[in-house]
């Protein structure tokens, strides 16, 4: 039995309300989903909250999953939760500005370390527009394929590739300055 068969059995168990199947899905995807939320928000408490909300939504909406890539479906739900969070609790620009100032002040306070480059990357990611940052997190952190991302976002794959290319170019330029 391969991973796809195992996942199909686990999803069927979820659809039948089996708590151990939900626990398996949580074990399989919690770290990737948490990382996705953390890279978008830069805040552990908010990421924990969004992750909890994601798994509540998973229980509520598992019957809407009709096949195809489960990861794409799950990250589409995660993306919707993140967008709801932005709309309901913060204005996008204000939230990004606050996180950028906090991240920059934290780096100034800390001594230079091996993680300085990672800190700089996090700051530069926060300076990107929310759509580009989310696209990068889906591709590089959540490891979804371009095809899965394009389908999830209901856009042509060429559009997805072009947006990612522009975002990477902008990120590279800001990292070099």
C-alpha atoms as a PDB file:
ATOM      1  CA  UNK A   1       0.000   0.000   0.000  1.00  0.00           C
ATOM      2  CA  UNK A   2       1.444   3.365  -0.980  1.00  0.00           C
ATOM      3  CA  UNK A   3       1.117   6.797   0.576  1.00  0.00           C
ATOM      4  CA  UNK A   4      -1.782   7.784  -1.691  1.00  0.00           C
ATOM      5  CA  UNK A   5      -3.759   4.694  -0.654  1.00  0.00           C
ATOM      6  CA  UNK A   6      -2.975   5.373   3.009  1.00  0.00           C
ATOM      7  CA  UNK A   7      -4.044   9.009   2.652  1.00  0.00           C
ATOM      8  CA  UNK A   8      -7.256   7.981   0.869  1.00  0.00           C
ATOM      9  CA  UNK A   9      -8.084   5.619   3.746  1.00  0.00           C
ATOM     10  CA  UNK A  10      -7.326   8.307   6.308  1.00  0.00           C
ATOM     11  CA  UNK A  11      -9.540  10.832   4.476  1.00  0.00           C
ATOM     12  CA  UNK A  12     -12.367   8.300   4.237  1.00  0.00           C
ATOM     13  CA  UNK A  13     -11.977   7.744   7.975  1.00  0.00           C
ATOM     14  CA  UNK A  14     -12.248  11.499   8.511  1.00  0.00           C
ATOM     15  CA  UNK A  15     -15.381  11.638   6.386  1.00  0.00           C
ATOM     16  CA  UNK A  16     -16.816   8.878   8.593  1.00  0.00           C
ATOM     17  CA  UNK A  17     -16.020  10.928  11.707  1.00  0.00           C
ATOM     18  CA  UNK A  18     -13.201   8.715  13.005  1.00  0.00           C
ATOM     19  CA  UNK A  19     -11.186  10.734  15.497  1.00  0.00           C
ATOM     20  CA  UNK A  20      -8.017   8.665  14.959  1.00  0.00           C
ATOM     21  CA  UNK A  21      -8.132   9.555  11.242  1.00  0.00           C
ATOM     22  CA  UNK A  22      -8.336  13.257  12.076  1.00  0.00           C
ATOM     23  CA  UNK A  23      -5.420  12.785  14.477  1.00  0.00           C
ATOM     24  CA  UNK A  24      -3.376  11.228  11.652  1.00  0.00           C
ATOM     25  CA  UNK A  25      -4.114  14.163   9.318  1.00  0.00           C
ATOM     26  CA  UNK A  26      -3.113  16.579  12.063  1.00  0.00           C
ATOM     27  CA  UNK A  27       0.120  14.648  12.650  1.00  0.00           C
ATOM     28  CA  UNK A  28       0.870  14.626   8.920  1.00  0.00           C
ATOM     29  CA  UNK A  29       0.213  18.306   8.195  1.00  0.00           C
ATOM     30  CA  UNK A  30       0.392  20.355  11.400  1.00  0.00           C
ATOM     31  CA  UNK A  31       4.057  21.355  11.108  1.00  0.00           C
ATOM     32  CA  UNK A  32       3.778  22.388   7.438  1.00  0.00           C
ATOM     33  CA  UNK A  33       0.561  24.322   8.036  1.00  0.00           C
ATOM     34  CA  UNK A  34       1.969  25.995  11.145  1.00  0.00           C
ATOM     35  CA  UNK A  35       5.064  26.976   9.154  1.00  0.00           C
ATOM     36  CA  UNK A  36       2.863  28.366   6.394  1.00  0.00           C
ATOM     37  CA  UNK A  37       0.935  30.538   8.874  1.00  0.00           C
ATOM     38  CA  UNK A  38       4.082  31.600  10.722  1.00  0.00           C
ATOM     39  CA  UNK A  39       5.859  32.681   7.540  1.00  0.00           C
ATOM     40  CA  UNK A  40       2.813  34.768   6.628  1.00  0.00           C
ATOM     41  CA  UNK A  41       2.183  36.336  10.036  1.00  0.00           C
ATOM     42  CA  UNK A  42       5.565  36.280  11.796  1.00  0.00           C
ATOM     43  CA  UNK A  43       3.684  35.669  15.047  1.00  0.00           C
ATOM     44  CA  UNK A  44       3.629  32.371  16.966  1.00  0.00           C
ATOM     45  CA  UNK A  45       0.386  33.081  18.845  1.00  0.00           C
ATOM     46  CA  UNK A  46      -1.495  34.037  15.695  1.00  0.00           C
ATOM     47  CA  UNK A  47      -0.038  31.034  13.884  1.00  0.00           C
ATOM     48  CA  UNK A  48      -1.216  28.718  16.669  1.00  0.00           C
ATOM     49  CA  UNK A  49      -4.670  30.284  16.512  1.00  0.00           C
ATOM     50  CA  UNK A  50      -4.898  29.964  12.728  1.00  0.00           C
ATOM     51  CA  UNK A  51      -3.662  26.367  12.868  1.00  0.00           C
ATOM     52  CA  UNK A  52      -6.342  25.488  15.411  1.00  0.00           C
ATOM     53  CA  UNK A  53      -8.952  27.153  13.238  1.00  0.00           C
ATOM     54  CA  UNK A  54      -7.685  25.203  10.224  1.00  0.00           C
ATOM     55  CA  UNK A  55      -8.197  21.858  11.937  1.00  0.00           C
ATOM     56  CA  UNK A  56     -11.662  22.874  13.162  1.00  0.00           C
ATOM     57  CA  UNK A  57     -12.484  23.770   9.544  1.00  0.00           C
ATOM     58  CA  UNK A  58     -11.048  20.425   8.453  1.00  0.00           C
ATOM     59  CA  UNK A  59     -13.592  18.638  10.650  1.00  0.00           C
ATOM     60  CA  UNK A  60     -16.410  20.881   9.396  1.00  0.00           C
ATOM     61  CA  UNK A  61     -15.500  20.790   5.691  1.00  0.00           C
ATOM     62  CA  UNK A  62     -13.898  17.374   5.080  1.00  0.00           C
ATOM     63  CA  UNK A  63     -16.980  16.251   3.158  1.00  0.00           C
ATOM     64  CA  UNK A  64     -16.403  19.035   0.617  1.00  0.00           C
ATOM     65  CA  UNK A  65     -13.141  17.362  -0.429  1.00  0.00           C
ATOM     66  CA  UNK A  66     -14.039  15.524  -3.632  1.00  0.00           C
ATOM     67  CA  UNK A  67     -10.669  14.171  -4.721  1.00  0.00           C
ATOM     68  CA  UNK A  68      -7.557  15.503  -6.401  1.00  0.00           C
ATOM     69  CA  UNK A  69      -4.637  16.781  -4.393  1.00  0.00           C
ATOM     70  CA  UNK A  70      -5.546  16.769  -0.712  1.00  0.00           C
ATOM     71  CA  UNK A  71      -2.650  19.120   0.023  1.00  0.00           C
ATOM     72  CA  UNK A  72      -3.980  21.675  -2.460  1.00  0.00           C
ATOM     73  CA  UNK A  73      -7.417  21.431  -0.878  1.00  0.00           C
ATOM     74  CA  UNK A  74      -5.992  21.755   2.652  1.00  0.00           C
ATOM     75  CA  UNK A  75      -3.800  24.748   1.774  1.00  0.00           C
ATOM     76  CA  UNK A  76      -6.741  26.392  -0.018  1.00  0.00           C
ATOM     77  CA  UNK A  77      -8.671  26.150   3.268  1.00  0.00           C
ATOM     78  CA  UNK A  78      -5.580  27.505   5.098  1.00  0.00           C
ATOM     79  CA  UNK A  79      -5.291  30.359   2.612  1.00  0.00           C
ATOM     80  CA  UNK A  80      -8.957  31.256   3.104  1.00  0.00           C
ATOM     81  CA  UNK A  81      -8.471  31.266   6.876  1.00  0.00           C
ATOM     82  CA  UNK A  82      -5.456  33.559   6.520  1.00  0.00           C
ATOM     83  CA  UNK A  83      -7.381  35.958   4.266  1.00  0.00           C
ATOM     84  CA  UNK A  84     -10.298  35.974   6.722  1.00  0.00           C
ATOM     85  CA  UNK A  85      -7.807  36.773   9.470  1.00  0.00           C
ATOM     86  CA  UNK A  86      -6.440  39.729   7.488  1.00  0.00           C
ATOM     87  CA  UNK A  87      -9.892  41.062   6.712  1.00  0.00           C
ATOM     88  CA  UNK A  88     -11.323  40.559  10.188  1.00  0.00           C
ATOM     89  CA  UNK A  89      -8.530  41.540  12.526  1.00  0.00           C
ATOM     90  CA  UNK A  90      -6.027  43.711  10.685  1.00  0.00           C
ATOM     91  CA  UNK A  91      -5.606  45.900   7.724  1.00  0.00           C
ATOM     92  CA  UNK A  92      -2.904  44.330   5.603  1.00  0.00           C
ATOM     93  CA  UNK A  93      -0.598  47.311   5.368  1.00  0.00           C
ATOM     94  CA  UNK A  94      -0.783  48.150   9.065  1.00  0.00           C
ATOM     95  CA  UNK A  95      -0.051  44.545  10.069  1.00  0.00           C
ATOM     96  CA  UNK A  96       2.937  44.293   7.728  1.00  0.00           C
ATOM     97  CA  UNK A  97       4.330  47.650   8.878  1.00  0.00           C
ATOM     98  CA  UNK A  98       4.054  46.684  12.547  1.00  0.00           C
ATOM     99  CA  UNK A  99       5.715  43.293  11.997  1.00  0.00           C
ATOM    100  CA  UNK A 100       8.479  44.865   9.915  1.00  0.00           C
ATOM    101  CA  UNK A 101       9.277  47.459  12.601  1.00  0.00           C
ATOM    102  CA  UNK A 102       9.254  44.755  15.301  1.00  0.00           C
ATOM    103  CA  UNK A 103      11.510  42.473  13.262  1.00  0.00           C
ATOM    104  CA  UNK A 104      13.930  45.283  12.427  1.00  0.00           C
ATOM    105  CA  UNK A 105      14.170  46.439  16.050  1.00  0.00           C
ATOM    106  CA  UNK A 106      14.775  42.863  17.194  1.00  0.00           C
ATOM    107  CA  UNK A 107      17.700  42.524  14.795  1.00  0.00           C
ATOM    108  CA  UNK A 108      19.191  45.837  15.920  1.00  0.00           C
ATOM    109  CA  UNK A 109      19.000  44.717  19.563  1.00  0.00           C
ATOM    110  CA  UNK A 110      20.566  41.319  18.918  1.00  0.00           C
ATOM    111  CA  UNK A 111      24.237  40.755  18.203  1.00  0.00           C
ATOM    112  CA  UNK A 112      25.188  39.664  14.739  1.00  0.00           C
ATOM    113  CA  UNK A 113      24.780  35.910  14.538  1.00  0.00           C
ATOM    114  CA  UNK A 114      24.592  33.028  12.104  1.00  0.00           C
ATOM    115  CA  UNK A 115      20.852  33.592  11.862  1.00  0.00           C
ATOM    116  CA  UNK A 116      21.228  37.215  10.695  1.00  0.00           C
ATOM    117  CA  UNK A 117      20.683  36.220   7.064  1.00  0.00           C
ATOM    118  CA  UNK A 118      17.509  34.318   8.016  1.00  0.00           C
ATOM    119  CA  UNK A 119      16.277  37.337   9.967  1.00  0.00           C
ATOM    120  CA  UNK A 120      16.959  39.563   6.958  1.00  0.00           C
ATOM    121  CA  UNK A 121      15.066  37.137   4.736  1.00  0.00           C
ATOM    122  CA  UNK A 122      12.068  37.202   7.097  1.00  0.00           C
ATOM    123  CA  UNK A 123      12.073  41.024   7.080  1.00  0.00           C
ATOM    124  CA  UNK A 124      12.315  41.174   3.289  1.00  0.00           C
ATOM    125  CA  UNK A 125       9.516  38.605   2.940  1.00  0.00           C
ATOM    126  CA  UNK A 126       7.313  40.750   5.166  1.00  0.00           C
ATOM    127  CA  UNK A 127       7.979  43.726   2.896  1.00  0.00           C
ATOM    128  CA  UNK A 128       6.594  41.889  -0.142  1.00  0.00           C
ATOM    129  CA  UNK A 129       2.929  42.315  -0.924  1.00  0.00           C
ATOM    130  CA  UNK A 130       0.742  39.719   0.798  1.00  0.00           C
ATOM    131  CA  UNK A 131      -0.188  37.897  -2.427  1.00  0.00           C
ATOM    132  CA  UNK A 132       3.449  37.434  -3.496  1.00  0.00           C
ATOM    133  CA  UNK A 133       4.520  36.378   0.004  1.00  0.00           C
ATOM    134  CA  UNK A 134       1.736  33.811   0.179  1.00  0.00           C
ATOM    135  CA  UNK A 135       2.646  32.461  -3.268  1.00  0.00           C
ATOM    136  CA  UNK A 136       6.270  31.997  -2.152  1.00  0.00           C
ATOM    137  CA  UNK A 137       5.212  30.239   1.046  1.00  0.00           C
ATOM    138  CA  UNK A 138       2.942  27.867  -0.873  1.00  0.00           C
ATOM    139  CA  UNK A 139       5.722  26.975  -3.317  1.00  0.00           C
ATOM    140  CA  UNK A 140       8.848  26.877  -1.202  1.00  0.00           C
ATOM    141  CA  UNK A 141       7.683  26.247   2.337  1.00  0.00           C
ATOM    142  CA  UNK A 142       4.538  24.197   1.778  1.00  0.00           C
ATOM    143  CA  UNK A 143       6.153  22.495  -1.232  1.00  0.00           C
ATOM    144  CA  UNK A 144       3.092  22.609  -3.483  1.00  0.00           C
ATOM    145  CA  UNK A 145       3.692  22.243  -7.215  1.00  0.00           C
ATOM    146  CA  UNK A 146       3.113  25.144  -9.596  1.00  0.00           C
ATOM    147  CA  UNK A 147       0.146  23.250 -11.016  1.00  0.00           C
ATOM    148  CA  UNK A 148      -1.388  22.757  -7.552  1.00  0.00           C
ATOM    149  CA  UNK A 149      -0.912  26.425  -6.700  1.00  0.00           C
ATOM    150  CA  UNK A 150      -2.390  27.587 -10.005  1.00  0.00           C
ATOM    151  CA  UNK A 151      -5.425  25.331  -9.515  1.00  0.00           C
ATOM    152  CA  UNK A 152      -5.828  26.477  -5.920  1.00  0.00           C
ATOM    153  CA  UNK A 153      -5.706  30.120  -6.975  1.00  0.00           C
ATOM    154  CA  UNK A 154      -7.895  29.545 -10.065  1.00  0.00           C
ATOM    155  CA  UNK A 155      -5.371  31.155 -12.370  1.00  0.00           C
ATOM    156  CA  UNK A 156      -3.354  29.958 -15.379  1.00  0.00           C
ATOM    157  CA  UNK A 157      -0.048  28.294 -14.497  1.00  0.00           C
ATOM    158  CA  UNK A 158       1.803  30.914 -16.554  1.00  0.00           C
ATOM    159  CA  UNK A 159       0.372  33.646 -14.335  1.00  0.00           C
ATOM    160  CA  UNK A 160       1.497  31.779 -11.239  1.00  0.00           C
ATOM    161  CA  UNK A 161       4.997  31.306 -12.669  1.00  0.00           C
ATOM    162  CA  UNK A 162       5.251  34.967 -13.687  1.00  0.00           C
ATOM    163  CA  UNK A 163       4.138  36.213 -10.254  1.00  0.00           C
ATOM    164  CA  UNK A 164       6.617  33.933  -8.538  1.00  0.00           C
ATOM    165  CA  UNK A 165       9.443  35.008 -10.859  1.00  0.00           C
ATOM    166  CA  UNK A 166       8.736  38.700 -10.214  1.00  0.00           C
ATOM    167  CA  UNK A 167       8.521  38.072  -6.477  1.00  0.00           C
ATOM    168  CA  UNK A 168      11.823  36.180  -6.411  1.00  0.00           C
ATOM    169  CA  UNK A 169      13.519  38.934  -8.398  1.00  0.00           C
ATOM    170  CA  UNK A 170      12.198  41.578  -5.994  1.00  0.00           C
ATOM    171  CA  UNK A 171      13.259  39.496  -2.983  1.00  0.00           C
ATOM    172  CA  UNK A 172      16.748  38.948  -4.415  1.00  0.00           C
ATOM    173  CA  UNK A 173      17.186  42.679  -5.047  1.00  0.00           C
ATOM    174  CA  UNK A 174      16.088  43.576  -1.532  1.00  0.00           C
ATOM    175  CA  UNK A 175      18.387  40.928   0.004  1.00  0.00           C
ATOM    176  CA  UNK A 176      21.377  42.326  -1.908  1.00  0.00           C
ATOM    177  CA  UNK A 177      20.783  45.927  -0.865  1.00  0.00           C
END
